[in-house]
Amino acid sequence: MKTISKQHGLGNIIALFLIPSVMVDSIIDRNIFYQGADPSYKLDFATESVQISSKYEDSRAGSLYNHSIKGIIPGNSEDSREMLKNLCRYPALTVVFQTNETTFYCIGNSTEGLRFYVDFSAPSNPSENPSFAFELSGKLTIPVKLINWPALQL
């Protein structure tokens, strides 16, 4: 008999970092390497709003992982809008997320990453605080993996 043991979930995301995949030099032994200035963005989000999904599917092309991270970024500043628009321009982002004090996971690498989408809609109820809804999603050939953080400069 084959047994599938209890799996430990990814847990709640407490921090989220995005690196344009083209700026990732390599990922070796759980370390992300980049050249030049630190290319990462940190998203400040409402922690209770974040949802993560990583679904496996077997296709003719091979194994695929359909990754999705969704959440809310409180506030509505012009600086935030510009940064979020810039993130939307990258075709692929390598995502690092933190689930506790010392545990970090990575989705993506130098050739594959998630696409960033943002909704600038105003809240339907005027008494609600303004915020942005975001989504990172994509089908990759690589699963979520443990990673060391911060990234290292070459």
Foldseek 3Di string as FASTA:
>chain_A
DDDDDDDDDPAFWDWKKKAQLQQFPWADPQATEGADDDRIDIADFDRVFKDWDWDWDQDPVGIKIKIKIKGKRFDDDPVVVVVLVVQQPRPFIWMWTDRDDFWIKIDDHNPHHWHKDKDQDADPDPVDTGIIMMMTIDMDRDGIGTHGDDHHYD
